[in-house]
Protein backbone atom coordinates (compact mmCIF):
# COMPACT_ATOMS: atom_id res chain seq x y z
CA MET A 1 0.00 -0.01 0.15
CA LYS A 2 1.22 3.37 -0.77
CA GLN A 3 2.50 5.03 2.35
CA PRO A 4 -0.03 7.61 4.08
CA THR A 5 0.75 11.06 5.25
CA ALA A 6 1.72 11.19 8.93
CA ARG A 7 -0.73 12.61 11.37
CA GLY A 8 1.51 13.08 14.40
CA ASN A 9 5.05 12.45 15.72
CA VAL A 10 4.21 8.67 16.30
CA SER A 11 3.05 7.83 13.03
CA ALA A 12 5.76 9.83 11.38
CA LEU A 13 8.46 8.22 13.27
CA LEU A 14 6.82 4.72 12.43
CA LEU A 15 6.96 5.75 8.78
CA GLU A 16 10.63 7.01 8.98
CA ILE A 17 11.67 3.81 10.64
CA VAL A 18 10.26 1.25 8.11
CA THR A 19 11.65 3.05 5.32
CA ASP A 20 15.17 3.69 6.68
CA GLU A 21 17.02 0.41 7.17
CA PRO A 22 19.65 -0.61 8.46
CA ALA A 23 19.77 2.09 10.94
CA ALA A 24 16.10 2.21 12.00
CA ALA A 25 16.18 -0.98 14.07
CA ALA A 26 17.71 0.86 16.92
CA ARG A 27 14.99 3.46 16.79
CA THR A 28 12.09 1.19 17.82
CA GLN A 29 12.59 1.95 21.39
CA ASP A 30 12.20 5.63 20.45
CA LEU A 31 8.89 4.73 18.91
CA GLU A 32 7.91 2.66 22.05
CA ASP A 33 8.46 5.73 24.08
CA ALA A 34 6.71 7.87 21.96
CA VAL A 35 3.50 5.59 21.99
CA ARG A 36 3.60 5.33 25.78
CA ALA A 37 3.46 9.26 26.02
CA ALA A 38 0.81 9.44 23.32
CA LEU A 39 -1.30 7.13 25.14
CA ALA A 40 -0.88 8.66 28.30
CA ARG A 41 -2.22 12.12 26.91
CA THR A 42 -4.80 11.04 24.38
CA ALA A 43 -8.48 11.75 25.39
CA ASP A 44 -9.71 8.91 23.33
CA VAL A 45 -7.77 6.29 21.56
CA VAL A 46 -10.58 5.59 19.35
CA VAL A 47 -10.48 8.87 17.52
CA ASP A 48 -6.83 9.74 18.00
CA ASP A 49 -5.83 10.38 14.30
CA ASP A 50 -1.99 9.75 15.27
CA LEU A 51 -2.45 6.65 17.05
CA GLN A 52 -5.11 4.80 14.91
CA LEU A 53 -3.08 5.70 11.70
CA THR A 54 0.00 4.15 13.52
CA LEU A 55 -1.98 0.94 14.17
CA PHE A 56 -3.43 0.95 10.79
CA CYS A 57 0.22 0.86 9.40
CA LEU A 58 1.40 -1.63 11.75
CA TYR A 59 -1.46 -3.95 10.78
CA GLU A 60 -0.69 -3.22 6.99
CA LEU A 61 2.60 -4.89 7.54
CA HIS A 62 0.55 -8.11 7.81
CA TYR A 63 -1.73 -7.44 4.80
CA SER A 64 -0.20 -6.06 1.58
CA GLY A 65 2.86 -4.38 3.26
CA LEU A 66 3.72 -0.61 2.93
CA ASP A 67 5.51 0.85 0.16
CA GLY A 68 9.23 1.15 1.03
CA ALA A 69 9.11 -0.88 3.90
CA ALA A 70 11.37 -4.15 3.78
CA GLU A 71 9.42 -7.46 4.38
CA GLY A 72 11.20 -8.12 7.59
CA TRP A 73 9.57 -5.45 9.44
CA GLU A 74 6.30 -7.49 9.71
CA TRP A 75 7.52 -9.54 12.63
CA ASP A 76 10.27 -7.09 14.19
CA PRO A 77 10.06 -7.55 17.88
CA GLY A 78 10.17 -3.84 18.45
CA LEU A 79 7.23 -3.01 16.26
CA ILE A 80 4.93 -6.02 17.65
CA ARG A 81 5.66 -4.56 21.18
CA VAL A 82 4.61 -1.23 20.00
CA ARG A 83 1.64 -2.70 18.28
CA GLN A 84 0.73 -4.41 21.49
CA LEU A 85 0.70 -1.17 23.52
CA ILE A 86 -1.69 0.41 21.30
CA GLU A 87 -3.89 -2.64 20.98
CA ALA A 88 -4.13 -3.09 24.76
CA ALA A 89 -5.47 0.41 25.26
CA PHE A 90 -7.71 0.01 22.17
CA GLU A 91 -9.16 -3.18 23.47
CA GLU A 92 -9.72 -1.69 26.98
CA ARG A 93 -11.48 1.40 25.49
CA LEU A 94 -13.93 -0.83 23.66
CA ARG A 95 -14.62 -3.38 26.48
CA ARG A 96 -15.50 -0.30 28.65
CA ALA A 97 -17.85 1.23 25.95
CA VAL A 98 -19.40 -2.28 24.98
CA VAL A 99 -22.57 -3.24 26.72
CA VAL A 100 -23.46 -7.04 26.66
CA GLY A 101 -26.55 -8.35 28.17
CA ALA A 102 -27.24 -11.69 30.11
CA ALA A 103 -25.45 -14.72 28.39
CA PRO A 104 -27.81 -17.12 26.89
CA GLU A 105 -27.34 -20.95 27.19
CA PRO A 106 -24.07 -21.99 25.38
CA THR A 107 -26.34 -23.88 22.59
CA SER A 108 -26.27 -23.26 19.04
CA GLU A 109 -29.96 -22.08 18.88
CA ALA A 110 -29.59 -20.00 21.99
CA VAL A 111 -26.59 -18.21 20.84
CA ALA A 112 -28.04 -17.48 17.42
CA ALA A 113 -31.38 -16.31 18.94
CA GLU A 114 -29.42 -13.82 21.06
CA LEU A 115 -27.31 -12.51 18.26
CA PHE A 116 -30.60 -12.06 16.20
CA ARG A 117 -31.92 -10.25 19.21
CA LEU A 118 -28.93 -8.09 19.70
CA THR A 119 -28.46 -7.01 15.86
CA GLY A 120 -32.28 -6.52 15.53
CA GLU A 121 -32.42 -3.97 18.48
CA ASP A 122 -29.63 -2.06 17.01
CA THR A 123 -30.68 1.50 17.39
CA GLY A 124 -27.83 3.31 15.75
CA PRO A 125 -28.36 6.08 13.01
CA SER A 126 -29.23 4.63 9.73
CA MET A 127 -26.88 5.47 7.01
CA SER A 128 -28.96 3.00 4.44
CA ARG A 129 -31.96 5.03 4.84
CA PHE A 130 -30.35 8.38 4.26
CA VAL A 131 -28.46 7.17 1.14
CA ALA A 132 -31.67 5.49 -0.22
CA LYS A 133 -33.71 8.71 0.06
CA GLU A 134 -31.65 11.72 0.62
CA ALA A 135 -27.89 11.53 -0.07
CA ASN A 136 -26.64 13.63 -3.10
CA ALA A 137 -24.01 12.13 -5.54
CA GLU A 138 -21.18 14.02 -3.57
CA GLN A 139 -22.29 12.30 -0.64
CA LEU A 140 -22.61 8.84 -2.28
CA ARG A 141 -18.91 9.18 -3.46
CA GLU A 142 -17.76 10.08 0.20
CA PHE A 143 -19.80 7.28 1.58
CA LEU A 144 -17.66 4.98 -0.85
CA ILE A 145 -14.37 6.44 0.08
CA GLN A 146 -15.06 5.83 3.61
CA LYS A 147 -16.16 2.27 3.26
CA SER A 148 -13.23 1.67 0.97
CA ILE A 149 -10.76 1.54 3.66
CA TYR A 150 -12.24 -1.91 4.70
CA GLN A 151 -14.22 -2.95 1.46
CA LEU A 152 -11.18 -2.92 -0.72
CA LYS A 153 -9.77 -5.96 1.46
CA GLU A 154 -13.24 -7.27 2.48
CA ALA A 155 -13.18 -10.56 4.30
CA ASP A 156 -9.38 -10.79 5.01
CA PRO A 157 -9.52 -9.78 8.74
CA HIS A 158 -12.05 -12.51 9.50
CA THR A 159 -10.35 -14.94 7.40
CA TRP A 160 -7.37 -14.94 10.11
CA ALA A 161 -9.71 -16.95 12.29
CA ILE A 162 -9.84 -19.92 9.88
CA PRO A 163 -6.85 -21.85 11.13
CA ARG A 164 -7.95 -20.93 14.91
CA LEU A 165 -11.30 -22.62 14.51
CA THR A 166 -12.30 -26.30 14.11
CA GLY A 167 -15.18 -28.58 13.01
CA ARG A 168 -18.41 -27.03 12.54
CA ALA A 169 -17.35 -23.40 13.09
CA LYS A 170 -14.47 -23.73 10.83
CA ALA A 171 -16.44 -25.30 8.06
CA ALA A 172 -19.11 -22.61 8.31
CA LEU A 173 -16.37 -19.83 8.24
CA VAL A 174 -14.92 -21.36 5.05
CA GLU A 175 -18.24 -21.49 3.44
CA ILE A 176 -19.16 -17.79 4.10
CA GLN A 177 -15.53 -16.61 2.91
CA ALA A 178 -15.72 -18.73 0.05
CA ASP A 179 -18.62 -16.67 -1.31
CA GLU A 180 -16.84 -13.23 -0.09
CA TYR A 181 -13.92 -14.40 -2.22
CA GLY A 182 -15.90 -14.94 -5.35
CA GLY A 183 -16.27 -18.79 -5.40
CA GLY A 184 -13.13 -19.11 -7.28
CA HIS A 185 -13.75 -16.19 -9.82
CA PRO A 186 -11.73 -13.27 -9.13
CA ASP A 187 -13.96 -10.80 -10.76
CA ARG A 188 -16.83 -11.73 -8.46
CA MET A 189 -14.78 -11.20 -5.11
CA HIS A 190 -16.49 -8.77 -3.27
CA SER A 191 -13.37 -6.56 -3.00
CA ALA A 192 -13.39 -6.63 -6.80
CA LEU A 193 -17.15 -5.85 -6.98
CA PHE A 194 -16.48 -2.89 -4.62
CA ALA A 195 -13.49 -1.53 -6.61
CA ARG A 196 -15.99 -1.57 -9.87
CA THR A 197 -18.56 0.32 -7.80
CA MET A 198 -15.72 3.08 -7.24
CA ARG A 199 -14.69 3.14 -10.77
CA ALA A 200 -18.44 3.52 -11.86
CA VAL A 201 -18.64 6.64 -9.89
CA GLY A 202 -15.40 8.11 -10.80
CA LEU A 203 -13.18 7.23 -7.88
CA ASP A 204 -9.76 5.74 -7.64
CA ASP A 205 -10.30 1.77 -6.91
CA THR A 206 -6.59 1.61 -5.84
CA TYR A 207 -6.14 -0.22 -2.42
CA GLY A 208 -5.32 2.48 0.24
CA ALA A 209 -5.88 5.50 -2.21
CA TYR A 210 -7.98 7.21 0.35
CA VAL A 211 -6.44 6.45 3.60
CA ASP A 212 -5.29 9.81 3.97
CA ALA A 213 -9.01 11.06 3.78
CA ALA A 214 -10.28 8.62 6.45
CA PRO A 215 -10.84 9.85 9.88
CA ALA A 216 -9.54 8.25 12.92
CA ILE A 217 -13.02 6.43 13.50
CA THR A 218 -13.10 4.89 10.15
CA LEU A 219 -9.55 3.70 10.77
CA ALA A 220 -10.50 2.41 14.04
CA SER A 221 -13.53 0.37 12.59
CA THR A 222 -11.10 -1.57 10.24
CA ASN A 223 -8.26 -1.70 13.06
CA MET A 224 -10.98 -3.38 15.37
CA MET A 225 -11.32 -6.12 12.94
CA SER A 226 -7.48 -6.62 12.46
CA LEU A 227 -7.32 -6.62 16.38
CA PHE A 228 -9.86 -9.40 16.80
CA GLY A 229 -8.55 -11.32 13.76
CA LEU A 230 -4.89 -11.28 14.35
CA ASN A 231 -5.01 -12.25 18.05
CA ARG A 232 -5.74 -15.91 18.62
CA ARG A 233 -7.21 -15.16 21.91
CA LEU A 234 -9.97 -12.95 20.51
CA ARG A 235 -11.18 -15.46 17.98
CA GLY A 236 -14.60 -15.28 19.76
CA ALA A 237 -14.75 -11.76 18.96
CA ILE A 238 -13.87 -11.74 15.17
CA VAL A 239 -16.52 -14.65 15.04
CA GLY A 240 -19.06 -12.32 16.81
CA HIS A 241 -18.01 -9.52 14.73
CA LEU A 242 -18.61 -11.31 11.58
CA THR A 243 -21.74 -12.49 12.73
CA ALA A 244 -23.10 -9.23 13.33
CA TYR A 245 -22.01 -7.94 10.02
CA GLU A 246 -23.69 -10.77 8.31
CA MET A 247 -26.90 -10.09 10.25
CA THR A 248 -27.07 -6.52 9.46
CA SER A 249 -26.01 -6.47 5.81
CA SER A 250 -28.80 -7.53 3.73
CA GLN A 251 -31.54 -4.80 3.94
CA PRO A 252 -29.07 -1.97 4.36
CA ASN A 253 -27.41 -3.03 0.95
CA ARG A 254 -30.86 -3.05 -0.67
CA LEU A 255 -31.22 0.45 0.32
CA TYR A 256 -27.55 1.43 -0.83
CA ALA A 257 -28.57 -0.01 -4.32
CA ARG A 258 -31.53 2.05 -4.43
CA GLY A 259 -29.73 5.31 -3.49
CA PHE A 260 -27.25 5.01 -6.41
CA ALA A 261 -29.90 3.84 -8.67
CA ARG A 262 -31.69 6.98 -7.84
CA HIS A 263 -28.84 9.03 -9.32
CA GLY A 264 -28.84 7.32 -12.32
CA PHE A 265 -25.96 4.86 -11.61
CA GLY A 266 -26.19 1.70 -13.46
CA GLU A 267 -25.45 -2.07 -12.31
CA ASP A 268 -21.57 -1.29 -12.34
CA ALA A 269 -22.36 0.84 -9.38
CA THR A 270 -25.10 -1.10 -7.67
CA GLY A 271 -23.92 -4.65 -8.33
CA TYR A 272 -21.64 -4.91 -5.27
CA PHE A 273 -24.71 -3.87 -3.08
CA GLU A 274 -27.25 -6.39 -4.79
CA GLU A 275 -24.72 -9.13 -4.42
CA HIS A 276 -24.84 -8.74 -0.52
CA VAL A 277 -28.57 -8.42 -0.47
CA GLU A 278 -28.99 -12.47 -1.48
CA ALA A 279 -25.60 -13.53 -0.19
CA ASP A 280 -26.06 -12.12 3.19
CA ALA A 281 -29.66 -13.38 3.80
CA VAL A 282 -28.00 -16.84 3.60
CA HIS A 283 -25.01 -16.04 5.51
CA GLU A 284 -26.55 -14.63 8.44
CA GLN A 285 -28.13 -18.03 9.10
CA ILE A 286 -24.89 -19.81 8.70
CA ALA A 287 -23.22 -17.43 10.90
CA GLY A 288 -25.60 -17.35 13.74
CA ARG A 289 -26.15 -21.18 14.07
CA ASP A 290 -22.98 -22.76 12.59
CA LEU A 291 -20.25 -20.30 13.00
CA ALA A 292 -21.02 -18.43 16.37
CA GLY A 293 -23.31 -21.07 17.83
CA GLY A 294 -21.00 -23.78 16.74
CA LEU A 295 -17.98 -22.18 17.92
CA VAL A 296 -19.71 -21.78 21.56
CA GLU A 297 -21.11 -25.30 21.54
CA ALA A 298 -17.67 -26.55 20.95
CA ASP A 299 -15.95 -24.18 23.60
CA PRO A 300 -18.39 -22.57 26.02
CA ARG A 301 -15.58 -20.41 27.18
CA LEU A 302 -15.66 -17.97 24.28
CA LEU A 303 -19.35 -17.12 24.60
CA GLY A 304 -18.67 -13.84 26.27
CA ASP A 305 -16.02 -12.79 23.52
CA VAL A 306 -18.64 -13.78 20.89
CA LEU A 307 -21.04 -11.35 22.25
CA PHE A 308 -18.56 -8.69 22.86
CA GLY A 309 -17.25 -8.84 19.19
CA ALA A 310 -20.92 -8.47 17.91
CA ALA A 311 -21.72 -5.53 20.11
CA ALA A 312 -18.43 -3.89 19.35
CA ALA A 313 -19.16 -4.20 15.59
CA LEU A 314 -22.46 -2.67 16.24
CA LEU A 315 -21.29 0.17 18.45
CA VAL A 316 -18.08 1.29 16.36
CA ASP A 317 -20.20 1.01 13.31
CA SER A 318 -22.84 3.59 15.05
CA TRP A 319 -19.80 5.87 15.89
CA MET A 320 -18.49 5.79 12.30
CA THR A 321 -22.03 6.43 10.98
CA ARG A 322 -22.76 9.18 13.37
CA HIS A 323 -19.66 11.00 12.40
CA ILE A 324 -20.28 10.90 8.96
CA MET A 325 -24.09 12.09 9.28
CA ASP A 326 -23.36 14.74 11.71
CA ALA A 327 -20.92 16.24 9.17
CA TRP A 328 -23.32 16.02 6.39
CA ALA A 329 -25.96 17.61 8.67
CA GLU A 330 -23.94 20.52 9.15
CA GLY A 331 -23.22 20.84 5.42
CA ARG A 332 -19.40 19.84 5.68
CA SER A 333 -17.40 16.68 4.55
CA SER A 334 -16.87 14.04 6.86
CA LEU A 335 -13.52 13.23 5.48
CA GLN A 336 -10.16 14.67 6.88
CA PRO A 337 -9.78 18.43 6.64
CA ASP A 338 -8.52 19.23 3.17
CA ARG A 339 -8.69 15.70 1.93
CA SER A 340 -12.39 15.90 0.43
CA PHE A 341 -11.73 13.63 -2.70
CA ALA A 342 -15.44 13.53 -3.51
CA ALA A 343 -16.09 14.63 -7.31
């Protein structure tokens, strides 16, 4: 991925280190010190631009890599230590904010029923209804820019969980992910369909092209998936996260397609959303009963994290949606200042 623009001394130091071998290795202690200081002074790690961009870049070393960064940085002990410092603060913030109700019985049907209840009672602001009925063409493009931070690598954070699961849960996750990756057809991969949507409305579909435009809360939404997916101890949380996504996807995507069609965009723009209407109506059942329910039946100790992951997905999505819609209500861009890329 093209290197983003630094947003503070921590992200600036990280980007400088990973592109300045061989002397840089000795500077990871400086980076650790800077992270500790930043964590001590931040008012909220979730919306801290410098820390969220730093974490995003550290995670990107495990995905596509960063332009100019040597491959060896992926598992550099100093950078892993820095990542864990930010992760610990980020996870602690999420656990303080997320409210999980009484735990159901650790059976497949009871877990699925609780997750359907949780997602069905989500009261966050509705981006999909606004897009369907009110968003103008510029706001549609801005909406895609925000979504592109995750959607252009759609499914990858959840795929980390496959080797961490067994039996029924693993089979269910592989079934869902196979659809996400196009069932063996590269042009049907959901990330490819989203890229086509971006091209159809005149946006750059290059992976990471709009990271500089993304506010901290948008980076945090994707970082949360990587946090859950890359840490084996949080395999319950990434399963809960994916389940919540699948359970809340079908109807909103129907409305998103309607919003783009309202502005005269054709199938190239709406195909991504239309694909999810049908696919996720099936996926929500597999995710609830076989993936989440199957995982908890196999290991009841993971029930709390499954519920936490689902609730965190809903909560952080509501924070991101409110950020965007509040900006639009005030007649301004939801993107980073001076980074409005909408046409």
